[in-house]
Amino acid sequence: MAEFEEVTQAATEERLASRGERFAAAVIDVVISILASLPFFFYTGLEALENPDMTLVVTGLVYSILIYILINGYLLFHFGQTVGKRFLNIRIEDLQDRQAGLGRILLMRFLPVQVVTNMPFIGGILGLINIAFIFRKDHRCVHDHIAGTRVCRVPDELRV
């Protein structure tokens, strides 16, 4: 039995997305997110962002969540992927090697990070800690641990 578990674990580790793949997917997603945020920046004015009040922070958070869902919702629901992950053939999975569900991805993986990173003063630090976890052996960030997910290469039989 222990041998079977070791073989299964080794197969999963082989499928884990590399740090480079995750980074490249994140860069694609960030570029798309920045482009999608431009209307918000133009509407609020860059001066308001220099010293934002709580209303602006909450409005920005809601806007970013809605844009994320509009851009990635279909792919997340059907494939467990954002646009960047789709380009790199990686996906978000649960710990049983199945595609993670949309609810888990949004409520346990995405939303906590968005809320925490938008906190004044400590948000940036906590965001860096989240990212730093990728250097662990299992390549899982804090948001992966919260949601019980990991990012793996899409199995060959599921690639489109």
N, C-alpha and C. Protein backbone atom coordinates (compact mmCIF):
# COMPACT_ATOMS: atom_id res chain seq x y z
N MET A 1 0.82 -1.20 0.00
CA MET A 1 0.00 0.00 0.00
C MET A 1 0.87 1.26 0.00
N ALA A 2 1.92 1.25 0.78
CA ALA A 2 2.81 2.41 0.84
C ALA A 2 3.47 2.64 -0.51
N GLU A 3 3.79 1.54 -1.22
CA GLU A 3 4.39 1.66 -2.54
C GLU A 3 3.45 2.35 -3.52
N PHE A 4 2.17 1.98 -3.47
CA PHE A 4 1.16 2.59 -4.34
C PHE A 4 1.04 4.08 -4.08
N GLU A 5 1.04 4.46 -2.79
CA GLU A 5 0.95 5.87 -2.44
C GLU A 5 2.16 6.64 -2.93
N GLU A 6 3.34 6.04 -2.84
CA GLU A 6 4.56 6.70 -3.32
C GLU A 6 4.52 6.89 -4.83
N VAL A 7 4.05 5.88 -5.57
CA VAL A 7 3.94 5.98 -7.02
C VAL A 7 2.93 7.05 -7.40
N THR A 8 1.78 7.07 -6.71
CA THR A 8 0.76 8.08 -6.97
C THR A 8 1.29 9.47 -6.68
N GLN A 9 1.99 9.63 -5.56
CA GLN A 9 2.54 10.93 -5.20
C GLN A 9 3.59 11.36 -6.21
N ALA A 10 4.42 10.44 -6.67
CA ALA A 10 5.44 10.78 -7.67
C ALA A 10 4.79 11.22 -8.98
N ALA A 11 3.70 10.55 -9.38
CA ALA A 11 3.00 10.92 -10.61
C ALA A 11 2.40 12.32 -10.48
N THR A 12 1.85 12.63 -9.32
CA THR A 12 1.29 13.96 -9.09
C THR A 12 2.38 15.01 -9.11
N GLU A 13 3.52 14.72 -8.47
CA GLU A 13 4.63 15.68 -8.46
C GLU A 13 5.13 15.95 -9.87
N GLU A 14 5.12 14.93 -10.74
CA GLU A 14 5.52 15.14 -12.13
C GLU A 14 4.57 16.07 -12.86
N ARG A 15 3.29 16.03 -12.50
CA ARG A 15 2.28 16.85 -13.15
C ARG A 15 2.21 18.26 -12.58
N LEU A 16 2.82 18.50 -11.42
CA LEU A 16 2.77 19.84 -10.83
C LEU A 16 3.29 20.87 -11.82
N ALA A 17 2.59 21.96 -11.96
CA ALA A 17 3.08 23.05 -12.81
C ALA A 17 4.37 23.58 -12.20
N SER A 18 5.31 23.88 -13.06
CA SER A 18 6.58 24.43 -12.57
C SER A 18 6.35 25.86 -12.07
N ARG A 19 7.31 26.35 -11.33
CA ARG A 19 7.23 27.74 -10.88
C ARG A 19 7.21 28.68 -12.08
N GLY A 20 8.01 28.34 -13.11
CA GLY A 20 8.06 29.16 -14.32
C GLY A 20 6.72 29.19 -15.04
N GLU A 21 6.05 28.04 -15.12
CA GLU A 21 4.74 27.99 -15.77
C GLU A 21 3.73 28.82 -14.99
N ARG A 22 3.75 28.67 -13.67
CA ARG A 22 2.82 29.45 -12.85
C ARG A 22 3.11 30.94 -12.97
N PHE A 23 4.41 31.30 -12.99
CA PHE A 23 4.78 32.70 -13.10
C PHE A 23 4.33 33.27 -14.45
N ALA A 24 4.58 32.54 -15.54
CA ALA A 24 4.19 33.01 -16.87
C ALA A 24 2.68 33.18 -16.96
N ALA A 25 1.93 32.23 -16.41
CA ALA A 25 0.46 32.34 -16.41
C ALA A 25 0.02 33.56 -15.60
N ALA A 26 0.67 33.79 -14.47
CA ALA A 26 0.33 34.94 -13.63
C ALA A 26 0.63 36.25 -14.35
N VAL A 27 1.75 36.31 -15.08
CA VAL A 27 2.09 37.52 -15.82
C VAL A 27 1.02 37.81 -16.87
N ILE A 28 0.60 36.78 -17.61
CA ILE A 28 -0.46 36.95 -18.61
C ILE A 28 -1.73 37.48 -17.94
N ASP A 29 -2.11 36.86 -16.81
CA ASP A 29 -3.32 37.28 -16.11
C ASP A 29 -3.20 38.70 -15.57
N VAL A 30 -2.03 39.08 -15.08
CA VAL A 30 -1.84 40.44 -14.55
C VAL A 30 -1.93 41.47 -15.68
N VAL A 31 -1.32 41.18 -16.82
CA VAL A 31 -1.39 42.12 -17.95
C VAL A 31 -2.85 42.31 -18.37
N ILE A 32 -3.59 41.22 -18.47
CA ILE A 32 -5.01 41.31 -18.82
C ILE A 32 -5.77 42.10 -17.76
N SER A 33 -5.45 41.85 -16.50
CA SER A 33 -6.12 42.55 -15.40
C SER A 33 -5.82 44.05 -15.42
N ILE A 34 -4.59 44.40 -15.70
CA ILE A 34 -4.23 45.83 -15.78
C ILE A 34 -5.00 46.50 -16.92
N LEU A 35 -5.03 45.85 -18.06
CA LEU A 35 -5.77 46.41 -19.20
C LEU A 35 -7.25 46.56 -18.87
N ALA A 36 -7.81 45.57 -18.18
CA ALA A 36 -9.22 45.62 -17.81
C ALA A 36 -9.49 46.66 -16.73
N SER A 37 -8.46 47.05 -15.98
CA SER A 37 -8.61 48.04 -14.91
C SER A 37 -8.51 49.48 -15.41
N LEU A 38 -8.03 49.65 -16.61
CA LEU A 38 -7.86 51.01 -17.13
C LEU A 38 -9.13 51.85 -17.07
N PRO A 39 -10.30 51.30 -17.44
CA PRO A 39 -11.52 52.14 -17.32
C PRO A 39 -11.76 52.62 -15.88
N PHE A 40 -11.48 51.77 -14.90
CA PHE A 40 -11.65 52.16 -13.50
C PHE A 40 -10.70 53.31 -13.15
N PHE A 41 -9.43 53.19 -13.58
CA PHE A 41 -8.46 54.25 -13.30
C PHE A 41 -8.84 55.56 -13.96
N PHE A 42 -9.32 55.49 -15.20
CA PHE A 42 -9.74 56.71 -15.89
C PHE A 42 -10.97 57.32 -15.22
N TYR A 43 -11.88 56.48 -14.78
CA TYR A 43 -13.11 56.98 -14.15
C TYR A 43 -12.81 57.65 -12.81
N THR A 44 -11.99 57.00 -11.99
CA THR A 44 -11.71 57.55 -10.66
C THR A 44 -10.67 58.67 -10.70
N GLY A 45 -9.80 58.61 -11.67
CA GLY A 45 -8.71 59.58 -11.74
C GLY A 45 -7.52 59.09 -10.94
N LEU A 46 -6.36 59.22 -11.50
CA LEU A 46 -5.15 58.73 -10.83
C LEU A 46 -4.86 59.47 -9.52
N GLU A 47 -5.30 60.73 -9.44
CA GLU A 47 -5.06 61.50 -8.22
C GLU A 47 -5.78 60.86 -7.02
N ALA A 48 -6.98 60.35 -7.26
CA ALA A 48 -7.74 59.72 -6.17
C ALA A 48 -7.06 58.46 -5.67
N LEU A 49 -6.30 57.81 -6.53
CA LEU A 49 -5.63 56.57 -6.14
C LEU A 49 -4.39 56.82 -5.29
N GLU A 50 -3.89 58.05 -5.30
CA GLU A 50 -2.72 58.39 -4.49
C GLU A 50 -3.01 58.31 -3.00
N ASN A 51 -4.22 58.69 -2.63
CA ASN A 51 -4.63 58.67 -1.22
C ASN A 51 -6.08 58.17 -1.15
N PRO A 52 -6.29 56.88 -1.39
CA PRO A 52 -7.66 56.37 -1.50
C PRO A 52 -8.38 56.31 -0.16
N ASP A 53 -9.68 56.62 -0.18
CA ASP A 53 -10.49 56.43 1.02
C ASP A 53 -11.08 55.01 0.98
N MET A 54 -11.78 54.65 2.04
CA MET A 54 -12.30 53.29 2.15
C MET A 54 -13.31 52.98 1.05
N THR A 55 -14.10 53.94 0.66
CA THR A 55 -15.07 53.74 -0.42
C THR A 55 -14.37 53.36 -1.72
N LEU A 56 -13.29 54.05 -2.02
CA LEU A 56 -12.55 53.75 -3.24
C LEU A 56 -11.89 52.37 -3.18
N VAL A 57 -11.37 52.00 -2.02
CA VAL A 57 -10.75 50.69 -1.85
C VAL A 57 -11.80 49.59 -2.06
N VAL A 58 -12.95 49.73 -1.44
CA VAL A 58 -14.02 48.72 -1.58
C VAL A 58 -14.53 48.68 -3.02
N THR A 59 -14.72 49.85 -3.63
CA THR A 59 -15.18 49.91 -5.02
C THR A 59 -14.17 49.23 -5.94
N GLY A 60 -12.90 49.49 -5.72
CA GLY A 60 -11.84 48.86 -6.51
C GLY A 60 -11.82 47.35 -6.32
N LEU A 61 -12.03 46.90 -5.10
CA LEU A 61 -12.07 45.46 -4.81
C LEU A 61 -13.24 44.81 -5.54
N VAL A 62 -14.41 45.40 -5.45
CA VAL A 62 -15.59 44.85 -6.13
C VAL A 62 -15.37 44.85 -7.64
N TYR A 63 -14.83 45.94 -8.17
CA TYR A 63 -14.55 46.02 -9.60
C TYR A 63 -13.59 44.91 -10.03
N SER A 64 -12.52 44.72 -9.26
CA SER A 64 -11.52 43.71 -9.65
C SER A 64 -12.12 42.30 -9.60
N ILE A 65 -12.97 42.03 -8.63
CA ILE A 65 -13.61 40.72 -8.53
C ILE A 65 -14.54 40.50 -9.73
N LEU A 66 -15.35 41.50 -10.05
CA LEU A 66 -16.27 41.37 -11.19
C LEU A 66 -15.52 41.19 -12.50
N ILE A 67 -14.47 41.95 -12.71
CA ILE A 67 -13.68 41.83 -13.93
C ILE A 67 -13.03 40.45 -14.01
N TYR A 68 -12.50 39.96 -12.88
CA TYR A 68 -11.88 38.63 -12.85
C TYR A 68 -12.90 37.57 -13.26
N ILE A 69 -14.10 37.66 -12.73
CA ILE A 69 -15.14 36.68 -13.06
C ILE A 69 -15.56 36.82 -14.52
N LEU A 70 -15.72 38.04 -15.00
CA LEU A 70 -16.10 38.24 -16.40
C LEU A 70 -15.05 37.69 -17.37
N ILE A 71 -13.79 37.90 -17.05
CA ILE A 71 -12.72 37.47 -17.95
C ILE A 71 -12.46 35.96 -17.83
N ASN A 72 -12.46 35.45 -16.60
CA ASN A 72 -12.04 34.07 -16.38
C ASN A 72 -13.15 33.10 -16.01
N GLY A 73 -14.35 33.59 -15.74
CA GLY A 73 -15.42 32.73 -15.23
C GLY A 73 -15.70 31.50 -16.05
N TYR A 74 -15.85 31.66 -17.35
CA TYR A 74 -16.14 30.51 -18.22
C TYR A 74 -15.03 29.47 -18.15
N LEU A 75 -13.78 29.92 -18.29
CA LEU A 75 -12.65 28.99 -18.26
C LEU A 75 -12.50 28.33 -16.90
N LEU A 76 -12.72 29.09 -15.83
CA LEU A 76 -12.61 28.51 -14.49
C LEU A 76 -13.69 27.46 -14.26
N PHE A 77 -14.91 27.74 -14.70
CA PHE A 77 -16.02 26.81 -14.50
C PHE A 77 -15.82 25.52 -15.29
N HIS A 78 -15.44 25.65 -16.55
CA HIS A 78 -15.36 24.48 -17.42
C HIS A 78 -14.02 23.75 -17.38
N PHE A 79 -12.94 24.48 -17.10
CA PHE A 79 -11.61 23.87 -17.21
C PHE A 79 -10.70 24.08 -15.99
N GLY A 80 -11.12 24.89 -15.01
CA GLY A 80 -10.26 25.17 -13.86
C GLY A 80 -9.06 26.03 -14.24
N GLN A 81 -9.25 26.90 -15.24
CA GLN A 81 -8.14 27.68 -15.76
C GLN A 81 -8.51 29.16 -15.88
N THR A 82 -7.49 30.00 -15.69
CA THR A 82 -7.60 31.40 -16.07
C THR A 82 -7.10 31.49 -17.51
N VAL A 83 -7.15 32.67 -18.09
CA VAL A 83 -6.64 32.84 -19.45
C VAL A 83 -5.16 32.44 -19.52
N GLY A 84 -4.37 32.92 -18.55
CA GLY A 84 -2.94 32.58 -18.53
C GLY A 84 -2.69 31.09 -18.38
N LYS A 85 -3.42 30.46 -17.49
CA LYS A 85 -3.27 29.02 -17.30
C LYS A 85 -3.68 28.25 -18.56
N ARG A 86 -4.69 28.74 -19.25
CA ARG A 86 -5.14 28.10 -20.50
C ARG A 86 -4.01 28.11 -21.53
N PHE A 87 -3.34 29.26 -21.68
CA PHE A 87 -2.24 29.36 -22.64
C PHE A 87 -1.11 28.37 -22.32
N LEU A 88 -0.92 28.09 -21.04
CA LEU A 88 0.20 27.24 -20.63
C LEU A 88 -0.20 25.80 -20.33
N ASN A 89 -1.45 25.45 -20.59
CA ASN A 89 -1.94 24.08 -20.36
C ASN A 89 -1.74 23.62 -18.92
N ILE A 90 -2.06 24.51 -17.99
CA ILE A 90 -2.06 24.14 -16.58
C ILE A 90 -3.44 24.48 -16.03
N ARG A 91 -3.79 23.85 -14.92
CA ARG A 91 -5.12 24.09 -14.35
C ARG A 91 -5.08 23.97 -12.84
N ILE A 92 -6.13 24.46 -12.21
CA ILE A 92 -6.29 24.38 -10.77
C ILE A 92 -7.02 23.08 -10.46
N GLU A 93 -6.43 22.27 -9.58
CA GLU A 93 -7.01 20.98 -9.20
C GLU A 93 -7.18 20.91 -7.70
N ASP A 94 -8.09 20.02 -7.28
CA ASP A 94 -8.16 19.72 -5.86
C ASP A 94 -7.05 18.72 -5.55
N LEU A 95 -6.96 18.27 -4.34
CA LEU A 95 -5.86 17.38 -3.94
C LEU A 95 -6.11 15.93 -4.34
N GLN A 96 -7.22 15.67 -5.03
CA GLN A 96 -7.52 14.33 -5.54
C GLN A 96 -7.34 14.30 -7.06
N ASP A 97 -6.58 15.25 -7.60
CA ASP A 97 -6.27 15.32 -9.03
C ASP A 97 -7.46 15.62 -9.92
N ARG A 98 -8.51 16.19 -9.36
CA ARG A 98 -9.69 16.57 -10.16
C ARG A 98 -9.68 18.08 -10.33
N GLN A 99 -10.28 18.52 -11.42
CA GLN A 99 -10.43 19.96 -11.64
C GLN A 99 -11.17 20.56 -10.45
N ALA A 100 -10.64 21.64 -9.93
CA ALA A 100 -11.29 22.32 -8.80
C ALA A 100 -12.57 22.99 -9.27
N GLY A 101 -13.57 23.00 -8.42
CA GLY A 101 -14.84 23.63 -8.74
C GLY A 101 -14.76 25.14 -8.67
N LEU A 102 -15.66 25.78 -9.38
CA LEU A 102 -15.69 27.25 -9.44
C LEU A 102 -15.87 27.87 -8.05
N GLY A 103 -16.77 27.31 -7.25
CA GLY A 103 -16.99 27.85 -5.91
C GLY A 103 -15.73 27.82 -5.07
N ARG A 104 -15.03 26.71 -5.10
CA ARG A 104 -13.77 26.58 -4.34
C ARG A 104 -12.75 27.60 -4.85
N ILE A 105 -12.65 27.71 -6.16
CA ILE A 105 -11.66 28.63 -6.75
C ILE A 105 -11.96 30.07 -6.35
N LEU A 106 -13.21 30.48 -6.50
CA LEU A 106 -13.56 31.88 -6.22
C LEU A 106 -13.62 32.20 -4.73
N LEU A 107 -14.30 31.36 -3.96
CA LEU A 107 -14.56 31.68 -2.55
C LEU A 107 -13.40 31.35 -1.62
N MET A 108 -12.62 30.34 -1.95
CA MET A 108 -11.56 29.93 -1.04
C MET A 108 -10.16 30.27 -1.55
N ARG A 109 -10.03 30.43 -2.84
CA ARG A 109 -8.70 30.64 -3.42
C ARG A 109 -8.50 32.08 -3.85
N PHE A 110 -9.46 32.65 -4.56
CA PHE A 110 -9.31 34.00 -5.11
C PHE A 110 -9.73 35.09 -4.12
N LEU A 111 -10.92 34.98 -3.55
CA LEU A 111 -11.46 36.04 -2.70
C LEU A 111 -10.60 36.36 -1.48
N PRO A 112 -10.13 35.37 -0.71
CA PRO A 112 -9.30 35.73 0.45
C PRO A 112 -8.05 36.52 0.07
N VAL A 113 -7.42 36.15 -1.04
CA VAL A 113 -6.22 36.87 -1.47
C VAL A 113 -6.57 38.30 -1.86
N GLN A 114 -7.68 38.49 -2.58
CA GLN A 114 -8.09 39.83 -2.98
C GLN A 114 -8.37 40.70 -1.77
N VAL A 115 -9.07 40.16 -0.80
CA VAL A 115 -9.41 40.95 0.40
C VAL A 115 -8.14 41.31 1.16
N VAL A 116 -7.27 40.34 1.39
CA VAL A 116 -6.07 40.57 2.19
C VAL A 116 -5.12 41.54 1.49
N THR A 117 -4.89 41.34 0.18
CA THR A 117 -3.93 42.21 -0.51
C THR A 117 -4.43 43.64 -0.67
N ASN A 118 -5.73 43.86 -0.49
CA ASN A 118 -6.26 45.23 -0.55
C ASN A 118 -6.28 45.91 0.81
N MET A 119 -5.80 45.24 1.84
CA MET A 119 -5.74 45.85 3.17
C MET A 119 -4.59 46.87 3.19
N PRO A 120 -4.88 48.07 3.63
CA PRO A 120 -3.80 49.07 3.71
C PRO A 120 -2.67 48.59 4.63
N PHE A 121 -1.47 48.95 4.28
CA PHE A 121 -0.24 48.68 5.04
C PHE A 121 0.22 47.24 4.95
N ILE A 122 -0.60 46.27 5.40
CA ILE A 122 -0.12 44.89 5.47
C ILE A 122 -0.43 44.06 4.23
N GLY A 123 -1.29 44.56 3.36
CA GLY A 123 -1.70 43.80 2.18
C GLY A 123 -0.55 43.38 1.30
N GLY A 124 0.36 44.30 1.04
CA GLY A 124 1.52 43.99 0.19
C GLY A 124 2.42 42.95 0.81
N ILE A 125 2.62 43.05 2.11
CA ILE A 125 3.48 42.08 2.81
C ILE A 125 2.84 40.70 2.77
N LEU A 126 1.55 40.63 3.08
CA LEU A 126 0.86 39.34 3.05
C LEU A 126 0.81 38.77 1.63
N GLY A 127 0.69 39.63 0.64
CA GLY A 127 0.73 39.18 -0.75
C GLY A 127 2.06 38.55 -1.10
N LEU A 128 3.15 39.14 -0.62
CA LEU A 128 4.48 38.58 -0.87
C LEU A 128 4.67 37.24 -0.16
N ILE A 129 4.15 37.14 1.05
CA ILE A 129 4.24 35.86 1.77
C ILE A 129 3.49 34.78 1.01
N ASN A 130 2.31 35.13 0.50
CA ASN A 130 1.52 34.19 -0.30
C ASN A 130 2.35 33.67 -1.47
N ILE A 131 2.96 34.57 -2.22
CA ILE A 131 3.75 34.20 -3.39
C ILE A 131 4.99 33.40 -2.99
N ALA A 132 5.62 33.76 -1.88
CA ALA A 132 6.85 33.09 -1.46
C ALA A 132 6.65 31.60 -1.19
N PHE A 133 5.44 31.21 -0.86
CA PHE A 133 5.16 29.79 -0.60
C PHE A 133 5.40 28.92 -1.82
N ILE A 134 5.44 29.50 -3.01
CA ILE A 134 5.65 28.71 -4.23
C ILE A 134 7.03 28.04 -4.23
N PHE A 135 7.93 28.52 -3.40
CA PHE A 135 9.27 27.95 -3.35
C PHE A 135 9.34 26.70 -2.47
N ARG A 136 8.23 26.29 -1.93
CA ARG A 136 8.18 25.03 -1.19
C ARG A 136 8.19 23.88 -2.19
N LYS A 137 8.45 22.69 -1.72
CA LYS A 137 8.53 21.52 -2.59
C LYS A 137 7.23 21.27 -3.35
N ASP A 138 6.09 21.52 -2.73
CA ASP A 138 4.80 21.23 -3.37
C ASP A 138 4.30 22.35 -4.29
N HIS A 139 5.06 23.45 -4.39
CA HIS A 139 4.75 24.59 -5.27
C HIS A 139 3.39 25.23 -4.96
N ARG A 140 2.87 25.02 -3.77
CA ARG A 140 1.55 25.56 -3.42
C ARG A 140 1.70 26.86 -2.64
N CYS A 141 1.01 27.89 -3.12
CA CYS A 141 0.98 29.18 -2.42
C CYS A 141 0.00 29.10 -1.26
N VAL A 142 -0.04 30.14 -0.43
CA VAL A 142 -0.96 30.15 0.71
C VAL A 142 -2.40 29.96 0.24
N HIS A 143 -2.78 30.62 -0.87
CA HIS A 143 -4.15 30.49 -1.35
C HIS A 143 -4.46 29.04 -1.77
N ASP A 144 -3.47 28.30 -2.23
CA ASP A 144 -3.68 26.88 -2.54
C ASP A 144 -3.94 26.09 -1.26
N HIS A 145 -3.21 26.40 -0.20
CA HIS A 145 -3.41 25.70 1.07
C HIS A 145 -4.78 26.02 1.66
N ILE A 146 -5.20 27.27 1.57
CA ILE A 146 -6.52 27.65 2.08
C ILE A 146 -7.62 26.89 1.35
N ALA A 147 -7.49 26.78 0.02
CA ALA A 147 -8.54 26.17 -0.80
C ALA A 147 -8.39 24.67 -1.00
N GLY A 148 -7.26 24.10 -0.56
CA GLY A 148 -7.04 22.69 -0.80
C GLY A 148 -6.85 22.40 -2.29
N THR A 149 -6.06 23.26 -2.95
CA THR A 149 -5.84 23.12 -4.39
C THR A 149 -4.34 23.09 -4.69
N ARG A 150 -4.06 22.77 -5.93
CA ARG A 150 -2.70 22.87 -6.47
C ARG A 150 -2.85 23.13 -7.97
N VAL A 151 -1.78 23.58 -8.59
CA VAL A 151 -1.80 23.85 -10.02
C VAL A 151 -0.95 22.79 -10.70
N CYS A 152 -1.57 22.07 -11.64
CA CYS A 152 -0.92 20.98 -12.35
C CYS A 152 -1.05 21.15 -13.85
N ARG A 153 -0.20 20.44 -14.56
CA ARG A 153 -0.34 20.39 -16.02
C ARG A 153 -1.62 19.64 -16.34
N VAL A 154 -2.31 20.09 -17.36
CA VAL A 154 -3.55 19.43 -17.79
C VAL A 154 -3.17 18.04 -18.29
N PRO A 155 -3.88 17.01 -17.83
CA PRO A 155 -3.60 15.66 -18.34
C PRO A 155 -3.75 15.62 -19.86
N ASP A 156 -2.88 14.85 -20.53
CA ASP A 156 -2.88 14.78 -21.99
C ASP A 156 -4.25 14.48 -22.58
N GLU A 157 -5.00 13.59 -21.94
CA GLU A 157 -6.29 13.20 -22.48
C GLU A 157 -7.34 14.32 -22.39
N LEU A 158 -7.06 15.37 -21.62
CA LEU A 158 -8.01 16.48 -21.47
C LEU A 158 -7.59 17.73 -22.25
N ARG A 159 -6.42 17.71 -22.84
CA ARG A 159 -5.94 18.88 -23.60
C ARG A 159 -6.76 19.08 -24.84
N VAL A 160 -7.00 20.34 -25.15
CA VAL A 160 -7.75 20.68 -26.38
C VAL A 160 -6.85 21.28 -27.41
